[in-house]
Amino acid sequence: MTLSNRFFDWLVGGKFKVSYPQLKSLSDISGNRDKFNLSTVNGVTIREITFDDIGKCLSLVKRHHNTTYLSEFNFSEVKCLKQLRRVLANLDNELCLVAEKSGDVVGLVWVTLGGYYLSDEVVFANCQLVTVEHDALGKIARIRTFSRLIRAANHWSKKRGANQFLIHVTTGVRLKATDKMILALGGKRIGGGYVFK
């Protein structure tokens, strides 16, 4: 283990040590949903979203949206609420974890499981959204919270039988810092996002 790996293990509060069942399809997953709550580190708790979090999550996601290159498009509270309700319905193929500090939601990650359109043997976990409140946490706390959210989502996806956990960075902001952090957490760069207007 290199010094940088030890540093990131310290940042995120340690590694997950579990074994994962290898599932072959989404049908192998149904009915196998566990509650996912982690310990508190430096006052920030990572846990599953609850109904009481909806308003706070909506505000956080709206602030996140307004910082991305997609902010030229109006934020739809209706669409966001629909997504949050889907997760709260406890569907077997979705997870939303929140990072909570002093009663406020300061971060979240939303992950969905799905198949690969060219194979019946692959289950992907797709990170639909990950965000950490920029103004509510200091730099180290932001890095640590982001890292804990990503590691927790990756852990959940493996536990659910996903072959791969994919993160698509499409914010258009803080790209170098995000790339550096994801690579430090063990992610592998497999391409990039492009837009034509």
N, C-alpha and C. Protein backbone atom coordinates (compact mmCIF):
# COMPACT_ATOMS: atom_id res chain seq x y z
N MET A 1 0.86 -1.18 0.00
CA MET A 1 0.00 0.00 0.00
C MET A 1 0.90 1.24 0.00
N THR A 2 0.64 2.17 -0.91
CA THR A 2 1.45 3.37 -0.99
C THR A 2 0.98 4.38 0.05
N LEU A 3 1.81 5.40 0.25
CA LEU A 3 1.45 6.45 1.20
C LEU A 3 0.14 7.12 0.79
N SER A 4 -0.04 7.35 -0.54
CA SER A 4 -1.27 8.01 -0.97
C SER A 4 -2.48 7.13 -0.69
N ASN A 5 -2.36 5.81 -0.85
CA ASN A 5 -3.49 4.93 -0.53
C ASN A 5 -3.80 4.98 0.95
N ARG A 6 -2.79 5.00 1.80
CA ARG A 6 -3.02 5.09 3.24
C ARG A 6 -3.70 6.41 3.58
N PHE A 7 -3.27 7.49 2.90
CA PHE A 7 -3.88 8.80 3.13
C PHE A 7 -5.36 8.77 2.78
N PHE A 8 -5.70 8.18 1.61
CA PHE A 8 -7.11 8.14 1.23
C PHE A 8 -7.91 7.19 2.09
N ASP A 9 -7.29 6.11 2.58
CA ASP A 9 -7.99 5.25 3.54
C ASP A 9 -8.30 6.04 4.81
N TRP A 10 -7.35 6.86 5.24
CA TRP A 10 -7.60 7.71 6.41
C TRP A 10 -8.72 8.70 6.11
N LEU A 11 -8.70 9.29 4.91
CA LEU A 11 -9.72 10.28 4.55
C LEU A 11 -11.12 9.69 4.60
N VAL A 12 -11.28 8.49 4.10
CA VAL A 12 -12.61 7.92 4.00
C VAL A 12 -12.96 7.03 5.18
N GLY A 13 -12.08 6.93 6.14
CA GLY A 13 -12.40 6.18 7.35
C GLY A 13 -12.21 4.69 7.22
N GLY A 14 -11.30 4.24 6.37
CA GLY A 14 -10.99 2.82 6.28
C GLY A 14 -11.64 2.16 5.08
N LYS A 15 -11.19 0.93 4.83
CA LYS A 15 -11.70 0.15 3.71
C LYS A 15 -12.84 -0.74 4.16
N PHE A 16 -13.65 -1.17 3.20
CA PHE A 16 -14.68 -2.15 3.47
C PHE A 16 -14.05 -3.52 3.29
N LYS A 17 -14.24 -4.41 4.23
CA LYS A 17 -13.71 -5.77 4.12
C LYS A 17 -14.89 -6.73 4.13
N VAL A 18 -15.35 -7.08 2.93
CA VAL A 18 -16.46 -7.99 2.80
C VAL A 18 -16.23 -8.87 1.58
N SER A 19 -16.93 -9.97 1.50
CA SER A 19 -16.92 -10.77 0.28
C SER A 19 -18.24 -10.56 -0.42
N TYR A 20 -18.22 -10.65 -1.73
CA TYR A 20 -19.40 -10.32 -2.51
C TYR A 20 -19.89 -11.53 -3.29
N PRO A 21 -21.19 -11.78 -3.29
CA PRO A 21 -21.72 -12.85 -4.13
C PRO A 21 -21.68 -12.39 -5.59
N GLN A 22 -21.41 -13.30 -6.51
CA GLN A 22 -21.42 -12.95 -7.92
C GLN A 22 -22.78 -13.31 -8.51
N LEU A 23 -23.57 -12.31 -8.82
CA LEU A 23 -24.89 -12.53 -9.40
C LEU A 23 -24.81 -12.28 -10.90
N LYS A 24 -25.63 -12.97 -11.65
CA LYS A 24 -25.55 -12.90 -13.10
C LYS A 24 -26.58 -11.98 -13.74
N SER A 25 -27.67 -11.69 -13.07
CA SER A 25 -28.69 -10.86 -13.71
C SER A 25 -29.46 -10.09 -12.65
N LEU A 26 -30.25 -9.12 -13.09
CA LEU A 26 -31.05 -8.33 -12.16
C LEU A 26 -32.06 -9.19 -11.42
N SER A 27 -32.54 -10.27 -12.04
CA SER A 27 -33.52 -11.12 -11.38
C SER A 27 -32.92 -11.82 -10.16
N ASP A 28 -31.59 -12.00 -10.12
CA ASP A 28 -30.93 -12.61 -8.97
C ASP A 28 -30.93 -11.68 -7.77
N ILE A 29 -31.23 -10.40 -7.98
CA ILE A 29 -31.07 -9.39 -6.95
C ILE A 29 -32.37 -9.16 -6.17
N SER A 30 -33.51 -9.38 -6.79
CA SER A 30 -34.77 -8.98 -6.20
C SER A 30 -34.96 -9.57 -4.81
N GLY A 31 -35.49 -8.75 -3.91
CA GLY A 31 -35.77 -9.19 -2.54
C GLY A 31 -34.55 -9.26 -1.66
N ASN A 32 -33.41 -8.75 -2.11
CA ASN A 32 -32.16 -8.89 -1.38
C ASN A 32 -31.64 -7.53 -0.92
N ARG A 33 -32.55 -6.61 -0.56
CA ARG A 33 -32.14 -5.25 -0.22
C ARG A 33 -31.93 -5.11 1.28
N ASP A 34 -30.74 -4.64 1.66
CA ASP A 34 -30.41 -4.39 3.05
C ASP A 34 -30.40 -2.89 3.30
N LYS A 35 -30.72 -2.50 4.52
CA LYS A 35 -30.54 -1.10 4.91
C LYS A 35 -29.04 -0.84 4.96
N PHE A 36 -28.65 0.35 4.55
CA PHE A 36 -27.23 0.66 4.42
C PHE A 36 -26.93 1.92 5.22
N ASN A 37 -26.35 1.78 6.38
CA ASN A 37 -26.00 2.91 7.21
C ASN A 37 -24.58 2.74 7.70
N LEU A 38 -23.81 3.82 7.67
CA LEU A 38 -22.42 3.79 8.08
C LEU A 38 -22.23 4.62 9.33
N SER A 39 -21.08 4.46 9.92
CA SER A 39 -20.78 5.21 11.14
C SER A 39 -20.53 6.68 10.82
N THR A 40 -20.49 7.47 11.87
CA THR A 40 -20.23 8.90 11.75
C THR A 40 -18.73 9.15 11.82
N VAL A 41 -18.23 9.96 10.90
CA VAL A 41 -16.82 10.36 10.88
C VAL A 41 -16.78 11.88 10.86
N ASN A 42 -16.13 12.47 11.87
CA ASN A 42 -16.01 13.92 11.99
C ASN A 42 -17.37 14.62 11.86
N GLY A 43 -18.39 14.04 12.47
CA GLY A 43 -19.71 14.66 12.50
C GLY A 43 -20.55 14.43 11.27
N VAL A 44 -20.05 13.70 10.27
CA VAL A 44 -20.80 13.43 9.05
C VAL A 44 -21.18 11.95 9.02
N THR A 45 -22.48 11.69 8.94
CA THR A 45 -23.01 10.33 8.89
C THR A 45 -23.48 10.02 7.48
N ILE A 46 -23.10 8.85 6.97
CA ILE A 46 -23.59 8.38 5.68
C ILE A 46 -24.68 7.35 5.97
N ARG A 47 -25.86 7.57 5.38
CA ARG A 47 -26.98 6.65 5.63
C ARG A 47 -27.93 6.71 4.44
N GLU A 48 -28.88 5.75 4.43
CA GLU A 48 -29.88 5.75 3.37
C GLU A 48 -30.84 6.92 3.54
N ILE A 49 -31.34 7.40 2.41
CA ILE A 49 -32.30 8.49 2.40
C ILE A 49 -33.60 8.04 3.09
N THR A 50 -34.26 8.98 3.74
CA THR A 50 -35.59 8.73 4.32
C THR A 50 -36.56 9.78 3.76
N PHE A 51 -37.83 9.56 4.00
CA PHE A 51 -38.85 10.51 3.55
C PHE A 51 -38.57 11.91 4.09
N ASP A 52 -38.09 12.00 5.33
CA ASP A 52 -37.81 13.31 5.94
C ASP A 52 -36.70 14.08 5.24
N ASP A 53 -35.90 13.41 4.43
CA ASP A 53 -34.77 14.05 3.74
C ASP A 53 -35.16 14.69 2.42
N ILE A 54 -36.36 14.44 1.93
CA ILE A 54 -36.71 14.84 0.56
C ILE A 54 -36.51 16.33 0.32
N GLY A 55 -37.02 17.17 1.20
CA GLY A 55 -36.88 18.62 1.01
C GLY A 55 -35.43 19.06 1.00
N LYS A 56 -34.64 18.52 1.92
CA LYS A 56 -33.22 18.89 2.00
C LYS A 56 -32.45 18.39 0.78
N CYS A 57 -32.79 17.18 0.33
CA CYS A 57 -32.13 16.64 -0.86
C CYS A 57 -32.51 17.44 -2.10
N LEU A 58 -33.76 17.81 -2.20
CA LEU A 58 -34.21 18.62 -3.33
C LEU A 58 -33.43 19.93 -3.40
N SER A 59 -33.25 20.58 -2.25
CA SER A 59 -32.48 21.84 -2.21
C SER A 59 -31.02 21.61 -2.59
N LEU A 60 -30.43 20.54 -2.07
CA LEU A 60 -29.03 20.22 -2.38
C LEU A 60 -28.85 19.95 -3.87
N VAL A 61 -29.73 19.14 -4.44
CA VAL A 61 -29.61 18.80 -5.86
C VAL A 61 -29.83 20.04 -6.73
N LYS A 62 -30.74 20.91 -6.33
CA LYS A 62 -30.96 22.16 -7.09
C LYS A 62 -29.71 23.03 -7.06
N ARG A 63 -29.09 23.16 -5.89
CA ARG A 63 -27.84 23.95 -5.79
C ARG A 63 -26.75 23.32 -6.65
N HIS A 64 -26.67 21.99 -6.62
CA HIS A 64 -25.69 21.28 -7.44
C HIS A 64 -25.94 21.57 -8.92
N HIS A 65 -27.18 21.42 -9.34
CA HIS A 65 -27.54 21.66 -10.75
C HIS A 65 -27.12 23.07 -11.18
N ASN A 66 -27.32 24.05 -10.32
CA ASN A 66 -27.02 25.44 -10.66
C ASN A 66 -25.52 25.72 -10.77
N THR A 67 -24.67 24.77 -10.38
CA THR A 67 -23.22 24.96 -10.52
C THR A 67 -22.66 24.23 -11.73
N THR A 68 -23.47 23.46 -12.45
CA THR A 68 -22.97 22.66 -13.56
C THR A 68 -23.18 23.37 -14.89
N TYR A 69 -22.58 22.81 -15.95
CA TYR A 69 -22.78 23.41 -17.27
C TYR A 69 -24.23 23.27 -17.73
N LEU A 70 -25.00 22.38 -17.13
CA LEU A 70 -26.40 22.22 -17.48
C LEU A 70 -27.31 23.24 -16.80
N SER A 71 -26.72 24.16 -16.04
CA SER A 71 -27.54 25.16 -15.34
C SER A 71 -28.26 26.11 -16.29
N GLU A 72 -27.90 26.07 -17.57
CA GLU A 72 -28.64 26.89 -18.54
C GLU A 72 -30.07 26.38 -18.72
N PHE A 73 -30.33 25.16 -18.28
CA PHE A 73 -31.68 24.58 -18.35
C PHE A 73 -32.33 24.70 -16.98
N ASN A 74 -33.62 24.99 -16.96
CA ASN A 74 -34.35 25.14 -15.70
C ASN A 74 -34.38 23.82 -14.94
N PHE A 75 -34.16 23.89 -13.65
CA PHE A 75 -34.25 22.73 -12.75
C PHE A 75 -35.71 22.35 -12.57
N SER A 76 -36.03 21.07 -12.68
CA SER A 76 -37.40 20.59 -12.52
C SER A 76 -37.55 19.90 -11.16
N GLU A 77 -38.22 20.59 -10.24
CA GLU A 77 -38.48 19.98 -8.93
C GLU A 77 -39.35 18.73 -9.09
N VAL A 78 -40.27 18.75 -10.02
CA VAL A 78 -41.17 17.62 -10.23
C VAL A 78 -40.37 16.38 -10.63
N LYS A 79 -39.44 16.53 -11.59
CA LYS A 79 -38.64 15.39 -12.02
C LYS A 79 -37.74 14.90 -10.90
N CYS A 80 -37.14 15.82 -10.15
CA CYS A 80 -36.27 15.44 -9.04
C CYS A 80 -37.05 14.69 -7.97
N LEU A 81 -38.22 15.19 -7.62
CA LEU A 81 -39.07 14.52 -6.63
C LEU A 81 -39.48 13.12 -7.10
N LYS A 82 -39.74 13.00 -8.39
CA LYS A 82 -40.10 11.69 -8.94
C LYS A 82 -38.95 10.70 -8.75
N GLN A 83 -37.72 11.15 -8.99
CA GLN A 83 -36.56 10.28 -8.80
C GLN A 83 -36.38 9.89 -7.34
N LEU A 84 -36.53 10.86 -6.45
CA LEU A 84 -36.38 10.57 -5.02
C LEU A 84 -37.47 9.60 -4.55
N ARG A 85 -38.69 9.77 -5.05
CA ARG A 85 -39.78 8.85 -4.67
C ARG A 85 -39.49 7.43 -5.16
N ARG A 86 -38.88 7.31 -6.34
CA ARG A 86 -38.53 5.99 -6.86
C ARG A 86 -37.60 5.26 -5.90
N VAL A 87 -36.60 5.98 -5.41
CA VAL A 87 -35.66 5.36 -4.48
C VAL A 87 -36.36 5.00 -3.17
N LEU A 88 -37.19 5.91 -2.69
CA LEU A 88 -37.90 5.67 -1.43
C LEU A 88 -38.91 4.54 -1.52
N ALA A 89 -39.28 4.15 -2.72
CA ALA A 89 -40.18 3.01 -2.90
C ALA A 89 -39.45 1.69 -2.65
N ASN A 90 -38.17 1.78 -2.30
CA ASN A 90 -37.35 0.60 -2.00
C ASN A 90 -37.26 -0.37 -3.16
N LEU A 91 -37.15 0.15 -4.36
CA LEU A 91 -36.92 -0.73 -5.49
C LEU A 91 -35.59 -1.45 -5.29
N ASP A 92 -35.52 -2.67 -5.73
CA ASP A 92 -34.33 -3.47 -5.50
C ASP A 92 -33.11 -2.99 -6.27
N ASN A 93 -33.30 -2.14 -7.25
CA ASN A 93 -32.16 -1.76 -8.09
C ASN A 93 -31.73 -0.30 -7.94
N GLU A 94 -32.10 0.36 -6.83
CA GLU A 94 -31.68 1.75 -6.64
C GLU A 94 -31.26 1.99 -5.20
N LEU A 95 -30.37 2.95 -5.04
CA LEU A 95 -29.91 3.35 -3.71
C LEU A 95 -29.63 4.84 -3.73
N CYS A 96 -30.02 5.52 -2.66
CA CYS A 96 -29.63 6.90 -2.46
C CYS A 96 -29.11 7.02 -1.03
N LEU A 97 -27.85 7.36 -0.91
CA LEU A 97 -27.25 7.60 0.39
C LEU A 97 -27.09 9.09 0.59
N VAL A 98 -27.33 9.56 1.80
CA VAL A 98 -27.12 10.96 2.12
C VAL A 98 -25.99 11.08 3.13
N ALA A 99 -25.31 12.19 3.07
CA ALA A 99 -24.32 12.55 4.07
C ALA A 99 -24.98 13.63 4.93
N GLU A 100 -25.07 13.36 6.22
CA GLU A 100 -25.78 14.27 7.12
C GLU A 100 -24.82 14.81 8.17
N LYS A 101 -24.91 16.12 8.39
CA LYS A 101 -24.12 16.76 9.44
C LYS A 101 -25.02 17.73 10.18
N SER A 102 -25.13 17.56 11.48
CA SER A 102 -25.95 18.44 12.33
C SER A 102 -27.37 18.60 11.79
N GLY A 103 -27.95 17.53 11.29
CA GLY A 103 -29.31 17.57 10.80
C GLY A 103 -29.48 18.07 9.37
N ASP A 104 -28.40 18.51 8.74
CA ASP A 104 -28.45 18.99 7.36
C ASP A 104 -27.89 17.94 6.41
N VAL A 105 -28.49 17.80 5.24
CA VAL A 105 -27.96 16.92 4.20
C VAL A 105 -26.88 17.71 3.45
N VAL A 106 -25.63 17.24 3.56
CA VAL A 106 -24.50 17.95 2.96
C VAL A 106 -23.91 17.20 1.77
N GLY A 107 -24.51 16.07 1.43
CA GLY A 107 -24.05 15.31 0.27
C GLY A 107 -24.99 14.16 0.00
N LEU A 108 -24.91 13.65 -1.24
CA LEU A 108 -25.68 12.45 -1.56
C LEU A 108 -25.08 11.75 -2.76
N VAL A 109 -25.37 10.47 -2.85
CA VAL A 109 -25.03 9.68 -4.02
C VAL A 109 -26.25 8.84 -4.37
N TRP A 110 -26.58 8.80 -5.66
CA TRP A 110 -27.72 8.03 -6.15
C TRP A 110 -27.21 7.05 -7.19
N VAL A 111 -27.49 5.77 -6.98
CA VAL A 111 -26.99 4.70 -7.83
C VAL A 111 -28.14 3.84 -8.30
N THR A 112 -28.09 3.42 -9.57
CA THR A 112 -29.07 2.49 -10.11
C THR A 112 -28.35 1.27 -10.68
N LEU A 113 -28.99 0.13 -10.58
CA LEU A 113 -28.47 -1.09 -11.20
C LEU A 113 -29.21 -1.31 -12.51
N GLY A 114 -28.49 -1.79 -13.50
CA GLY A 114 -29.11 -2.08 -14.78
C GLY A 114 -28.24 -3.01 -15.59
N GLY A 115 -28.81 -3.52 -16.65
CA GLY A 115 -28.09 -4.43 -17.52
C GLY A 115 -27.31 -3.69 -18.59
N TYR A 116 -26.54 -4.45 -19.34
CA TYR A 116 -25.77 -3.93 -20.46
C TYR A 116 -26.50 -4.33 -21.73
N TYR A 117 -26.73 -3.39 -22.62
CA TYR A 117 -27.58 -3.64 -23.78
C TYR A 117 -26.99 -4.63 -24.78
N LEU A 118 -25.72 -5.01 -24.62
CA LEU A 118 -25.12 -5.97 -25.54
C LEU A 118 -24.78 -7.31 -24.90
N SER A 119 -25.21 -7.52 -23.66
CA SER A 119 -24.91 -8.78 -22.99
C SER A 119 -25.95 -9.08 -21.93
N ASP A 120 -26.22 -10.36 -21.72
CA ASP A 120 -27.13 -10.79 -20.66
C ASP A 120 -26.39 -11.14 -19.39
N GLU A 121 -25.07 -11.06 -19.39
CA GLU A 121 -24.27 -11.52 -18.26
C GLU A 121 -23.70 -10.40 -17.41
N VAL A 122 -24.09 -9.18 -17.69
CA VAL A 122 -23.47 -8.05 -17.00
C VAL A 122 -24.53 -7.26 -16.24
N VAL A 123 -24.21 -6.92 -14.99
CA VAL A 123 -25.02 -5.98 -14.21
C VAL A 123 -24.12 -4.79 -13.90
N PHE A 124 -24.52 -3.62 -14.34
CA PHE A 124 -23.79 -2.39 -14.06
C PHE A 124 -24.47 -1.62 -12.94
N ALA A 125 -23.69 -0.99 -12.10
CA ALA A 125 -24.19 0.01 -11.17
C ALA A 125 -23.77 1.35 -11.74
N ASN A 126 -24.74 2.21 -11.98
CA ASN A 126 -24.48 3.53 -12.56
C ASN A 126 -24.70 4.61 -11.52
N CYS A 127 -23.68 5.42 -11.31
CA CYS A 127 -23.80 6.56 -10.41
C CYS A 127 -24.53 7.66 -11.17
N GLN A 128 -25.79 7.88 -10.80
CA GLN A 128 -26.58 8.90 -11.48
C GLN A 128 -26.23 10.30 -10.99
N LEU A 129 -25.86 10.40 -9.72
CA LEU A 129 -25.53 11.69 -9.14
C LEU A 129 -24.71 11.50 -7.88
N VAL A 130 -23.68 12.29 -7.75
CA VAL A 130 -22.97 12.40 -6.48
C VAL A 130 -22.64 13.87 -6.31
N THR A 131 -22.95 14.40 -5.15
CA THR A 131 -22.67 15.81 -4.88
C THR A 131 -22.40 16.00 -3.39
N VAL A 132 -21.52 16.92 -3.11
CA VAL A 132 -21.21 17.31 -1.73
C VAL A 132 -21.30 18.83 -1.66
N GLU A 133 -21.99 19.30 -0.64
CA GLU A 133 -22.19 20.74 -0.45
C GLU A 133 -20.84 21.43 -0.30
N HIS A 134 -20.57 22.37 -1.18
CA HIS A 134 -19.27 23.03 -1.19
C HIS A 134 -19.08 23.96 0.01
N ASP A 135 -20.12 24.70 0.37
CA ASP A 135 -19.98 25.72 1.42
C ASP A 135 -20.17 25.19 2.83
N ALA A 136 -20.76 24.00 2.98
CA ALA A 136 -21.09 23.48 4.32
C ALA A 136 -19.93 22.75 4.98
N LEU A 137 -18.92 22.37 4.19
CA LEU A 137 -17.81 21.59 4.72
C LEU A 137 -16.49 22.20 4.28
N GLY A 138 -15.46 22.03 5.10
CA GLY A 138 -14.12 22.43 4.71
C GLY A 138 -13.58 21.49 3.64
N LYS A 139 -12.43 21.82 3.07
CA LYS A 139 -11.88 21.06 1.95
C LYS A 139 -11.66 19.59 2.30
N ILE A 140 -11.00 19.32 3.43
CA ILE A 140 -10.72 17.93 3.82
C ILE A 140 -12.03 17.19 4.10
N ALA A 141 -12.98 17.83 4.76
CA ALA A 141 -14.26 17.20 5.05
C ALA A 141 -15.03 16.92 3.75
N ARG A 142 -14.94 17.81 2.76
CA ARG A 142 -15.58 17.57 1.46
C ARG A 142 -14.97 16.36 0.77
N ILE A 143 -13.64 16.30 0.76
CA ILE A 143 -12.95 15.17 0.13
C ILE A 143 -13.33 13.87 0.83
N ARG A 144 -13.32 13.91 2.13
CA ARG A 144 -13.63 12.71 2.91
C ARG A 144 -15.09 12.27 2.69
N THR A 145 -16.01 13.21 2.66
CA THR A 145 -17.42 12.88 2.47
C THR A 145 -17.65 12.34 1.07
N PHE A 146 -17.09 12.99 0.06
CA PHE A 146 -17.18 12.50 -1.32
C PHE A 146 -16.64 11.08 -1.41
N SER A 147 -15.48 10.85 -0.83
CA SER A 147 -14.84 9.54 -0.88
C SER A 147 -15.67 8.48 -0.18
N ARG A 148 -16.23 8.82 0.97
CA ARG A 148 -17.06 7.86 1.71
C ARG A 148 -18.33 7.53 0.92
N LEU A 149 -18.93 8.52 0.28
CA LEU A 149 -20.12 8.27 -0.54
C LEU A 149 -19.80 7.32 -1.70
N ILE A 150 -18.69 7.59 -2.39
CA ILE A 150 -18.30 6.75 -3.53
C ILE A 150 -17.98 5.33 -3.06
N ARG A 151 -17.20 5.20 -2.00
CA ARG A 151 -16.85 3.86 -1.51
C ARG A 151 -18.08 3.11 -1.01
N ALA A 152 -18.98 3.80 -0.35
CA ALA A 152 -20.20 3.15 0.13
C ALA A 152 -21.06 2.69 -1.04
N ALA A 153 -21.19 3.53 -2.07
CA ALA A 153 -21.98 3.16 -3.25
C ALA A 153 -21.34 1.98 -3.98
N ASN A 154 -20.03 1.99 -4.09
CA ASN A 154 -19.32 0.89 -4.74
C ASN A 154 -19.50 -0.41 -3.94
N HIS A 155 -19.38 -0.30 -2.63
CA HIS A 155 -19.60 -1.45 -1.74
C HIS A 155 -21.01 -2.01 -1.94
N TRP A 156 -22.01 -1.13 -1.94
CA TRP A 156 -23.39 -1.56 -2.13
C TRP A 156 -23.57 -2.25 -3.48
N SER A 157 -22.98 -1.66 -4.52
CA SER A 157 -23.17 -2.23 -5.86
C SER A 157 -22.54 -3.62 -5.95
N LYS A 158 -21.38 -3.81 -5.32
CA LYS A 158 -20.77 -5.15 -5.32
C LYS A 158 -21.62 -6.13 -4.53
N LYS A 159 -22.12 -5.67 -3.41
CA LYS A 159 -22.98 -6.53 -2.59
C LYS A 159 -24.23 -6.92 -3.34
N ARG A 160 -24.69 -6.06 -4.22
CA ARG A 160 -25.89 -6.33 -5.01
C ARG A 160 -25.57 -7.15 -6.26
N GLY A 161 -24.29 -7.46 -6.49
CA GLY A 161 -23.91 -8.32 -7.61
C GLY A 161 -23.50 -7.60 -8.87
N ALA A 162 -23.28 -6.31 -8.82
CA ALA A 162 -22.87 -5.58 -10.02
C ALA A 162 -21.45 -5.98 -10.41
N ASN A 163 -21.24 -6.14 -11.72
CA ASN A 163 -19.91 -6.45 -12.23
C ASN A 163 -19.01 -5.22 -12.21
N GLN A 164 -19.62 -4.04 -12.44
CA GLN A 164 -18.85 -2.81 -12.48
C GLN A 164 -19.69 -1.66 -11.92
N PHE A 165 -18.99 -0.71 -11.32
CA PHE A 165 -19.61 0.52 -10.82
C PHE A 165 -19.11 1.66 -11.69
N LEU A 166 -20.01 2.29 -12.42
CA LEU A 166 -19.65 3.33 -13.39
C LEU A 166 -20.02 4.71 -12.86
N ILE A 167 -19.09 5.64 -13.00
CA ILE A 167 -19.34 7.03 -12.64
C ILE A 167 -19.13 7.86 -13.91
N HIS A 168 -20.15 8.59 -14.30
CA HIS A 168 -20.09 9.45 -15.48
C HIS A 168 -20.04 10.90 -14.98
N VAL A 169 -18.93 11.57 -15.21
CA VAL A 169 -18.78 12.95 -14.75
C VAL A 169 -19.24 13.87 -15.87
N THR A 170 -20.36 14.55 -15.64
CA THR A 170 -20.94 15.40 -16.68
C THR A 170 -21.26 16.81 -16.18
N THR A 171 -20.60 17.21 -15.10
CA THR A 171 -20.89 18.53 -14.53
C THR A 171 -20.26 19.67 -15.33
N GLY A 172 -19.11 19.40 -15.92
CA GLY A 172 -18.38 20.45 -16.61
C GLY A 172 -17.60 21.37 -15.68
N VAL A 173 -17.56 21.06 -14.38
CA VAL A 173 -16.82 21.89 -13.41
C VAL A 173 -15.94 20.99 -12.54
N ARG A 174 -14.85 21.56 -12.06
CA ARG A 174 -13.90 20.86 -11.18
C ARG A 174 -13.51 19.48 -11.72
N LEU A 175 -13.30 19.42 -13.03
CA LEU A 175 -13.04 18.13 -13.67
C LEU A 175 -11.71 17.51 -13.25
N LYS A 176 -10.67 18.32 -13.17
CA LYS A 176 -9.36 17.77 -12.80
C LYS A 176 -9.36 17.25 -11.37
N ALA A 177 -9.96 18.01 -10.46
CA ALA A 177 -10.01 17.59 -9.06
C ALA A 177 -10.85 16.33 -8.91
N THR A 178 -11.97 16.27 -9.61
CA THR A 178 -12.84 15.09 -9.55
C THR A 178 -12.12 13.87 -10.10
N ASP A 179 -11.47 14.04 -11.25
CA ASP A 179 -10.72 12.96 -11.87
C ASP A 179 -9.64 12.44 -10.93
N LYS A 180 -8.90 13.35 -10.33
CA LYS A 180 -7.82 12.96 -9.42
C LYS A 180 -8.36 12.16 -8.24
N MET A 181 -9.47 12.59 -7.69
CA MET A 181 -10.03 11.91 -6.53
C MET A 181 -10.56 10.53 -6.89
N ILE A 182 -11.27 10.42 -8.02
CA ILE A 182 -11.82 9.13 -8.42
C ILE A 182 -10.70 8.14 -8.73
N LEU A 183 -9.64 8.61 -9.39
CA LEU A 183 -8.50 7.74 -9.66
C LEU A 183 -7.83 7.30 -8.36
N ALA A 184 -7.71 8.20 -7.41
CA ALA A 184 -7.09 7.86 -6.12
C ALA A 184 -7.93 6.84 -5.35
N LEU A 185 -9.24 6.82 -5.59
CA LEU A 185 -10.12 5.87 -4.92
C LEU A 185 -10.12 4.50 -5.63
N GLY A 186 -9.38 4.38 -6.73
CA GLY A 186 -9.29 3.11 -7.43
C GLY A 186 -10.06 3.05 -8.73
N GLY A 187 -10.69 4.14 -9.11
CA GLY A 187 -11.40 4.18 -10.39
C GLY A 187 -10.43 4.16 -11.55
N LYS A 188 -10.90 3.70 -12.69
CA LYS A 188 -10.09 3.65 -13.91
C LYS A 188 -10.78 4.50 -14.97
N ARG A 189 -10.01 5.38 -15.60
CA ARG A 189 -10.56 6.24 -16.65
C ARG A 189 -10.80 5.40 -17.90
N ILE A 190 -12.04 5.42 -18.41
CA ILE A 190 -12.36 4.61 -19.60
C ILE A 190 -12.87 5.47 -20.76
N GLY A 191 -12.83 6.76 -20.63
CA GLY A 191 -13.31 7.62 -21.71
C GLY A 191 -13.61 9.00 -21.18
N GLY A 192 -14.47 9.69 -21.88
CA GLY A 192 -14.82 11.05 -21.45
C GLY A 192 -16.15 11.45 -22.02
N GLY A 193 -16.67 12.54 -21.53
CA GLY A 193 -17.95 13.05 -22.00
C GLY A 193 -17.75 14.21 -22.94
N TYR A 194 -18.54 14.26 -23.99
CA TYR A 194 -18.46 15.32 -24.97
C TYR A 194 -19.86 15.83 -25.26
N VAL A 195 -19.95 17.10 -25.61
CA VAL A 195 -21.25 17.67 -25.93
C VAL A 195 -21.14 18.50 -27.21
N PHE A 196 -22.17 18.43 -28.03
CA PHE A 196 -22.29 19.27 -29.22
C PHE A 196 -23.53 20.09 -29.05
N LYS A 197 -23.45 21.38 -29.37
CA LYS A 197 -24.62 22.26 -29.26
C LYS A 197 -25.01 22.74 -30.62
